[in-house]
Amino acid sequence: LGDSSRPAMADSFEEGLDELDGELQELLTANEALLCENQLFESYLERVAPQVLLSDDEPGAGPRGAKKPQAAKRMLTAEQKHELALQEVEEVRDRIEATKTTSEKLLDGLRAQMEECDLRIAEIKKEAYEFKRDIVVGAENFRTGKTAAEKVVRYMEDKQRTKDAAIEKLRLKNQTLKAQIQKIEQQLQLKEEMGEVLHVIDFDQLKIENQQYLEKIEERNSELLRLKLSTGNTVQTLNTLKRKLRNLTTESEWLKHEIAQRNEAIAKITDEISKVELEKKHAEQFNRKLKHETGGENNMPQVLDYVAQKAELYELEKEIKNWERKVEIAEIDNGRRRGTAKAASRGY
């Protein structure tokens, strides 16, 4: 072959490859379609006649197409294929609906469990707060710092009675619901016997109404949870204010006791001041009397009398100075106590 014929052969070879590639793609597409049909037919046979598939899978039966050559020649028409496809579509839809119903029931159950868990968590938090309020803080002795055992026992007994009451309430509610379910089942059975079976539309209507009621119940539960949280915050604030009031009351009692003691001390100091003033007055009178008696006599007093009177006068002056110092200290203490009493009265 010459060099001029080689390009023509290369072009024809490439065209042949393109044709083969196109035929291969067509065969692959047809093969995929046949595989889809086989899967559809096998699904149909598994549902309608599974024994056919079991007989094909027995040992020694050979390939499915080789066992019964007459059956291999049987071809389904387009109408039969269409009928089988419609049946499989209906079956798949039924499975989807069943799965959807099961999923909705499971979702409702999980949602109910979550709501129950949220309510239980809120109740546990509330009980923990009440225990801390009534036992850890409320039952603690102000002087010793220990928790009163009788208050703990009384708290536990009250909680046990509350739980028993709740159990009894739930038991009665359960009995009522069982009675309602039994009554509804009897009514449904009576309607079925009388031929008044609900249609699909009625079930759909009931389902819609049930969904609406469930949404309302969920809204009410959310509102109830919000109110419970708000009540908990209010109770916490109230307990804080009660604790502050209790502390202020204790401080007020202490201040009253302190004021009473200070008033008693002031009364004693005032009484002592009066006694000192009286003694001072008597001493001054006695001193004047001595001066008068000394000035009225013509004779000079004796030296011993003068020394004795001087010593007595020195002792009296010393005693007067001591009492004046005591009076001054008492007046300072009295002023300080009055200032404390006025500050305490202004605090109230």
Protein backbone atom coordinates (compact mmCIF):
# COMPACT_ATOMS: atom_id res chain seq x y z
CA LEU A 1 0.00 0.00 0.00
CA GLY A 2 1.15 3.47 -0.79
CA ASP A 3 1.45 6.40 1.49
CA SER A 4 -1.65 8.00 -0.06
CA SER A 5 -3.96 5.15 1.04
CA ARG A 6 -2.91 5.21 4.72
CA PRO A 7 -4.95 8.32 5.75
CA ALA A 8 -8.07 6.83 4.20
CA MET A 9 -7.59 3.58 6.11
CA ALA A 10 -7.04 5.49 9.36
CA ASP A 11 -10.25 7.47 8.82
CA SER A 12 -12.25 4.31 8.06
CA PHE A 13 -10.76 2.63 11.14
CA GLU A 14 -11.75 5.57 13.36
CA GLU A 15 -15.28 5.54 11.90
CA GLY A 16 -15.48 1.81 12.65
CA LEU A 17 -14.40 2.45 16.26
CA ASP A 18 -17.02 5.18 16.66
CA GLU A 19 -19.72 2.83 15.35
CA LEU A 20 -18.60 0.08 17.71
CA ASP A 21 -18.54 2.52 20.60
CA GLY A 22 -22.08 3.65 19.80
CA GLU A 23 -23.30 0.04 19.56
CA LEU A 24 -21.58 -0.72 22.88
CA GLN A 25 -23.35 2.21 24.56
CA GLU A 26 -26.69 1.04 23.12
CA LEU A 27 -26.05 -2.48 24.40
CA LEU A 28 -25.12 -1.17 27.87
CA THR A 29 -28.28 0.95 27.99
CA ALA A 30 -30.41 -2.01 26.89
CA ASN A 31 -28.65 -4.22 29.45
CA GLU A 32 -29.40 -1.72 32.23
CA ALA A 33 -33.04 -1.62 31.16
CA LEU A 34 -33.18 -5.44 31.20
CA LEU A 35 -31.56 -5.50 34.64
CA CYS A 36 -34.20 -3.07 35.91
CA GLU A 37 -36.96 -5.25 34.42
CA ASN A 38 -35.41 -8.36 35.99
CA GLN A 39 -35.28 -6.68 39.41
CA LEU A 40 -38.89 -5.59 38.99
CA PHE A 41 -40.03 -9.08 37.97
CA GLU A 42 -38.06 -10.71 40.78
CA SER A 43 -39.65 -8.35 43.29
CA TYR A 44 -43.06 -9.22 41.89
CA LEU A 45 -42.31 -12.97 42.03
CA GLU A 46 -41.01 -12.70 45.59
CA ARG A 47 -44.30 -11.14 46.61
CA VAL A 48 -46.71 -13.25 44.46
CA ALA A 49 -44.97 -16.58 43.73
CA PRO A 50 -41.80 -17.00 45.78
CA GLN A 51 -41.74 -20.75 45.09
CA VAL A 52 -40.71 -20.04 41.50
CA LEU A 53 -37.55 -18.28 42.65
CA LEU A 54 -36.89 -21.02 45.20
CA SER A 55 -37.16 -23.73 42.54
CA ASP A 56 -34.71 -21.83 40.33
CA ASP A 57 -32.22 -21.57 43.21
CA GLU A 58 -32.24 -25.32 44.06
CA PRO A 59 -28.88 -27.20 43.73
CA GLY A 60 -28.33 -28.88 40.37
CA ALA A 61 -30.96 -26.84 38.65
CA GLY A 62 -28.38 -25.01 36.52
CA PRO A 63 -28.88 -21.55 35.15
CA ARG A 64 -32.40 -20.19 35.22
CA GLY A 65 -32.56 -19.82 31.48
CA ALA A 66 -31.16 -23.36 30.89
CA LYS A 67 -33.57 -25.23 33.11
CA LYS A 68 -36.72 -24.58 31.15
CA PRO A 69 -36.00 -23.52 27.62
CA GLN A 70 -39.73 -23.32 26.87
CA ALA A 71 -40.16 -20.76 29.65
CA ALA A 72 -37.25 -18.71 28.28
CA LYS A 73 -39.15 -18.30 25.03
CA ARG A 74 -42.09 -16.76 26.85
CA MET A 75 -42.13 -13.02 26.42
CA LEU A 76 -44.30 -10.56 28.35
CA THR A 77 -46.25 -8.06 26.40
CA ALA A 78 -46.02 -4.34 27.02
CA GLU A 79 -49.43 -4.36 28.73
CA GLN A 80 -48.35 -7.14 31.08
CA LYS A 81 -45.14 -5.31 31.88
CA HIS A 82 -47.14 -2.14 32.48
CA GLU A 83 -49.54 -4.01 34.78
CA LEU A 84 -46.67 -5.52 36.77
CA ALA A 85 -44.96 -2.14 37.08
CA LEU A 86 -48.20 -0.54 38.33
CA GLN A 87 -48.64 -3.29 40.92
CA GLU A 88 -45.06 -2.85 42.10
CA VAL A 89 -45.51 0.92 42.28
CA GLU A 90 -48.63 0.44 44.40
CA GLU A 91 -46.76 -2.00 46.61
CA VAL A 92 -43.88 0.47 47.04
CA ARG A 93 -46.35 3.25 47.88
CA ASP A 94 -48.01 1.03 50.48
CA ARG A 95 -44.63 0.26 52.00
CA ILE A 96 -43.77 3.96 52.03
CA GLU A 97 -47.06 4.79 53.73
CA ALA A 98 -46.56 2.01 56.26
CA THR A 99 -43.01 3.19 56.92
CA LYS A 100 -44.25 6.76 57.21
CA THR A 101 -46.96 5.74 59.68
CA THR A 102 -44.46 3.74 61.73
CA SER A 103 -42.00 6.64 61.65
CA GLU A 104 -44.69 9.09 62.75
CA LYS A 105 -45.65 6.84 65.64
CA LEU A 106 -42.02 6.46 66.61
CA LEU A 107 -41.51 10.23 66.29
CA ASP A 108 -44.58 10.91 68.44
CA GLY A 109 -43.31 8.47 71.04
CA LEU A 110 -39.87 10.06 71.05
CA ARG A 111 -41.39 13.54 71.25
CA ALA A 112 -43.54 12.43 74.19
CA GLN A 113 -40.48 10.94 75.89
CA MET A 114 -38.55 14.19 75.35
CA GLU A 115 -41.40 16.22 76.83
CA GLU A 116 -41.59 13.82 79.75
CA CYS A 117 -37.83 14.14 80.26
CA ASP A 118 -38.07 17.95 80.16
CA LEU A 119 -40.88 17.94 82.70
CA ARG A 120 -39.01 15.45 84.87
CA ILE A 121 -35.85 17.59 84.72
CA ALA A 122 -37.86 20.66 85.72
CA GLU A 123 -39.45 18.73 88.61
CA ILE A 124 -36.05 17.45 89.77
CA LYS A 125 -34.61 20.98 89.67
CA LYS A 126 -37.61 22.24 91.63
CA GLU A 127 -37.29 19.45 94.21
CA ALA A 128 -33.55 20.09 94.55
CA TYR A 129 -34.20 23.79 95.07
CA GLU A 130 -36.93 23.10 97.64
CA PHE A 131 -34.66 20.64 99.46
CA LYS A 132 -31.86 23.21 99.58
CA ARG A 133 -34.29 25.91 100.69
CA ASP A 134 -36.16 23.88 103.34
CA ILE A 135 -33.43 21.53 104.60
CA VAL A 136 -29.92 22.69 103.70
CA VAL A 137 -30.66 26.34 104.57
CA GLY A 138 -34.02 26.40 106.33
CA ALA A 139 -33.42 23.50 108.73
CA GLU A 140 -29.97 24.69 109.79
CA ASN A 141 -29.68 25.85 113.38
CA PHE A 142 -28.58 29.48 113.56
CA ARG A 143 -26.37 28.91 116.59
CA THR A 144 -24.88 25.42 116.12
CA GLY A 145 -24.86 25.32 112.29
CA LYS A 146 -26.30 21.75 112.28
CA THR A 147 -29.39 20.52 110.42
CA ALA A 148 -32.41 19.60 112.53
CA ALA A 149 -33.20 15.89 112.10
CA GLU A 150 -36.93 16.27 112.80
CA LYS A 151 -37.27 18.79 109.95
CA VAL A 152 -35.54 16.38 107.55
CA VAL A 153 -37.85 13.53 108.59
CA ARG A 154 -40.93 15.74 108.29
CA TYR A 155 -39.78 16.92 104.84
CA MET A 156 -39.30 13.32 103.64
CA GLU A 157 -42.70 12.29 105.02
CA ASP A 158 -44.39 15.20 103.25
CA LYS A 159 -42.66 14.27 99.97
CA GLN A 160 -43.72 10.63 100.40
CA ARG A 161 -47.33 11.66 100.98
CA THR A 162 -47.20 13.89 97.90
CA LYS A 163 -45.82 11.01 95.79
CA ASP A 164 -48.50 8.63 97.11
CA ALA A 165 -51.21 11.15 96.25
CA ALA A 166 -49.77 11.59 92.73
CA ILE A 167 -49.62 7.79 92.27
CA GLU A 168 -53.22 7.43 93.37
CA LYS A 169 -54.27 10.24 91.03
CA LEU A 170 -52.46 8.65 88.08
CA ARG A 171 -53.97 5.25 88.93
CA LEU A 172 -57.49 6.70 88.87
CA LYS A 173 -56.70 8.53 85.62
CA ASN A 174 -55.38 5.29 84.12
CA GLN A 175 -58.55 3.46 85.10
CA THR A 176 -60.63 6.25 83.56
CA LEU A 177 -58.65 6.10 80.30
CA LYS A 178 -58.96 2.31 80.17
CA ALA A 179 -62.71 2.64 80.62
CA GLN A 180 -62.86 5.23 77.83
CA ILE A 181 -60.79 3.03 75.51
CA GLN A 182 -63.02 0.05 76.22
CA LYS A 183 -66.11 2.17 75.58
CA ILE A 184 -64.72 3.48 72.27
CA GLU A 185 -63.74 -0.05 71.19
CA GLN A 186 -67.26 -1.24 71.93
CA GLN A 187 -68.72 1.64 69.94
CA LEU A 188 -66.37 0.91 67.02
CA GLN A 189 -67.25 -2.78 67.11
CA LEU A 190 -70.95 -1.90 67.14
CA LYS A 191 -70.50 0.39 64.14
CA GLU A 192 -68.62 -2.34 62.28
CA GLU A 193 -71.42 -4.81 63.00
CA MET A 194 -74.00 -2.29 61.80
CA GLY A 195 -71.99 -1.50 58.67
CA GLU A 196 -71.07 2.02 59.69
CA VAL A 197 -67.39 1.58 59.03
CA LEU A 198 -65.45 4.80 58.69
CA HIS A 199 -64.16 5.66 55.23
CA VAL A 200 -60.72 6.87 54.30
CA ILE A 201 -61.91 10.49 54.25
CA ASP A 202 -63.21 10.14 57.81
CA PHE A 203 -59.87 8.75 58.95
CA ASP A 204 -58.04 11.61 57.25
CA GLN A 205 -60.34 14.11 58.95
CA LEU A 206 -59.79 12.46 62.31
CA LYS A 207 -56.04 12.46 61.67
CA ILE A 208 -56.07 16.19 60.91
CA GLU A 209 -58.13 16.92 64.05
CA ASN A 210 -55.79 14.75 66.09
CA GLN A 211 -52.76 16.66 64.76
CA GLN A 212 -54.45 19.96 65.65
CA TYR A 213 -55.18 18.73 69.17
CA LEU A 214 -51.59 17.53 69.53
CA GLU A 215 -50.31 20.97 68.50
CA LYS A 216 -52.62 22.61 71.04
CA ILE A 217 -51.46 20.19 73.73
CA GLU A 218 -47.83 20.94 72.87
CA GLU A 219 -48.49 24.69 73.11
CA ARG A 220 -50.22 24.24 76.47
CA ASN A 221 -47.33 22.10 77.72
CA SER A 222 -44.83 24.76 76.64
CA GLU A 223 -46.87 27.46 78.37
CA LEU A 224 -47.14 25.27 81.49
CA LEU A 225 -43.38 24.72 81.51
CA ARG A 226 -42.80 28.47 81.12
CA LEU A 227 -45.17 29.19 84.01
CA LYS A 228 -43.41 26.58 86.15
CA LEU A 229 -40.04 28.20 85.45
CA SER A 230 -41.49 31.63 86.23
CA THR A 231 -42.97 30.28 89.47
CA GLY A 232 -39.58 28.80 90.38
CA ASN A 233 -37.87 32.14 89.83
CA THR A 234 -40.54 33.90 91.90
CA VAL A 235 -40.18 31.38 94.73
CA GLN A 236 -36.40 31.79 94.62
CA THR A 237 -36.72 35.58 94.88
CA LEU A 238 -39.24 35.21 97.71
CA ASN A 239 -36.91 32.88 99.61
CA THR A 240 -34.03 35.33 99.18
CA LEU A 241 -36.18 38.15 100.58
CA LYS A 242 -37.32 35.91 103.44
CA ARG A 243 -33.72 35.08 104.28
CA LYS A 244 -32.80 38.78 104.27
CA LEU A 245 -35.84 39.55 106.46
CA ARG A 246 -34.81 36.79 108.87
CA ASN A 247 -31.28 38.18 109.10
CA LEU A 248 -32.59 41.70 109.63
CA THR A 249 -35.00 40.46 112.31
CA THR A 250 -32.17 38.68 114.11
CA GLU A 251 -30.01 41.80 113.92
CA SER A 252 -32.94 43.89 115.18
CA GLU A 253 -33.39 41.62 118.19
CA TRP A 254 -29.69 41.84 118.94
CA LEU A 255 -29.77 45.63 118.68
CA LYS A 256 -32.81 45.80 120.98
CA HIS A 257 -31.02 43.66 123.54
CA GLU A 258 -27.87 45.78 123.22
CA ILE A 259 -29.89 49.00 123.60
CA ALA A 260 -31.58 47.62 126.73
CA GLN A 261 -28.20 46.75 128.23
CA ARG A 262 -26.83 50.19 127.37
CA ASN A 263 -29.90 51.86 128.91
CA GLU A 264 -29.40 49.86 132.11
CA ALA A 265 -25.73 50.89 132.18
CA ILE A 266 -26.74 54.53 131.61
CA ALA A 267 -29.28 54.32 134.44
CA LYS A 268 -26.63 52.88 136.78
CA ILE A 269 -24.12 55.57 135.80
CA THR A 270 -26.76 58.28 136.29
CA ASP A 271 -27.56 56.89 139.73
CA GLU A 272 -23.87 56.90 140.62
CA ILE A 273 -23.52 60.47 139.37
CA SER A 274 -26.44 61.51 141.59
CA LYS A 275 -24.81 59.80 144.56
CA VAL A 276 -21.48 61.49 143.83
CA GLU A 277 -23.17 64.89 143.51
CA LEU A 278 -24.91 64.31 146.85
CA GLU A 279 -21.67 63.28 148.52
CA LYS A 280 -19.93 66.30 147.01
CA LYS A 281 -22.65 68.55 148.39
CA HIS A 282 -22.33 67.02 151.85
CA ALA A 283 -18.55 67.41 151.71
CA GLU A 284 -18.83 71.06 150.71
CA GLN A 285 -21.29 71.70 153.56
CA PHE A 286 -18.98 69.95 155.99
CA ASN A 287 -16.05 71.95 154.67
CA ARG A 288 -17.92 75.22 155.11
CA LYS A 289 -18.93 74.14 158.59
CA LEU A 290 -15.33 73.42 159.46
CA LYS A 291 -14.21 76.76 158.09
CA HIS A 292 -16.91 78.52 160.05
CA GLU A 293 -16.02 76.74 163.24
CA THR A 294 -12.34 77.47 162.71
CA GLY A 295 -12.94 81.14 162.01
CA GLY A 296 -15.21 81.59 165.11
CA GLU A 297 -12.66 80.36 167.64
CA ASN A 298 -10.16 82.80 169.18
CA ASN A 299 -7.67 80.12 170.02
CA MET A 300 -5.48 78.71 167.26
CA PRO A 301 -6.05 75.10 166.43
CA GLN A 302 -3.65 72.50 167.48
CA VAL A 303 -1.04 71.28 165.05
CA LEU A 304 -2.32 67.71 165.14
CA ASP A 305 -5.86 68.87 164.45
CA TYR A 306 -4.58 70.94 161.55
CA VAL A 307 -2.62 67.97 160.15
CA ALA A 308 -5.60 65.64 160.56
CA GLN A 309 -7.98 68.08 158.89
CA LYS A 310 -5.44 68.68 156.10
CA ALA A 311 -5.10 64.97 155.50
CA GLU A 312 -8.86 64.54 155.54
CA LEU A 313 -9.23 67.45 153.13
CA TYR A 314 -6.59 65.94 150.85
CA GLU A 315 -8.42 62.60 150.85
CA LEU A 316 -11.73 64.31 150.17
CA GLU A 317 -10.27 66.31 147.25
CA LYS A 318 -8.68 63.16 145.88
CA GLU A 319 -11.99 61.32 146.14
CA ILE A 320 -13.78 64.26 144.50
CA LYS A 321 -11.34 64.17 141.58
CA ASN A 322 -11.86 60.42 141.18
CA TRP A 323 -15.62 60.84 141.15
CA GLU A 324 -15.39 63.73 138.70
CA ARG A 325 -13.27 61.52 136.41
CA LYS A 326 -15.85 58.74 136.70
CA VAL A 327 -18.65 61.20 135.90
CA GLU A 328 -16.74 62.44 132.85
CA ILE A 329 -16.16 58.85 131.58
CA ALA A 330 -19.81 57.99 132.22
CA GLU A 331 -20.98 61.05 130.29
CA ILE A 332 -18.72 60.12 127.32
CA ASP A 333 -20.01 56.53 127.36
CA ASN A 334 -23.57 57.80 127.70
CA GLY A 335 -23.13 60.05 124.66
CA ARG A 336 -21.66 57.20 122.62
CA ARG A 337 -24.52 54.86 123.56
CA ARG A 338 -27.12 57.45 122.67
CA GLY A 339 -25.46 57.94 119.28
CA THR A 340 -25.55 54.16 118.66
CA ALA A 341 -29.23 54.00 119.66
CA LYS A 342 -30.10 56.90 117.34
CA ALA A 343 -28.22 55.26 114.44
CA ALA A 344 -30.03 51.96 115.05
CA SER A 345 -33.43 53.74 115.19
CA ARG A 346 -32.64 55.54 111.90
CA GLY A 347 -31.72 52.17 110.30
CA TYR A 348 -35.25 50.87 111.01
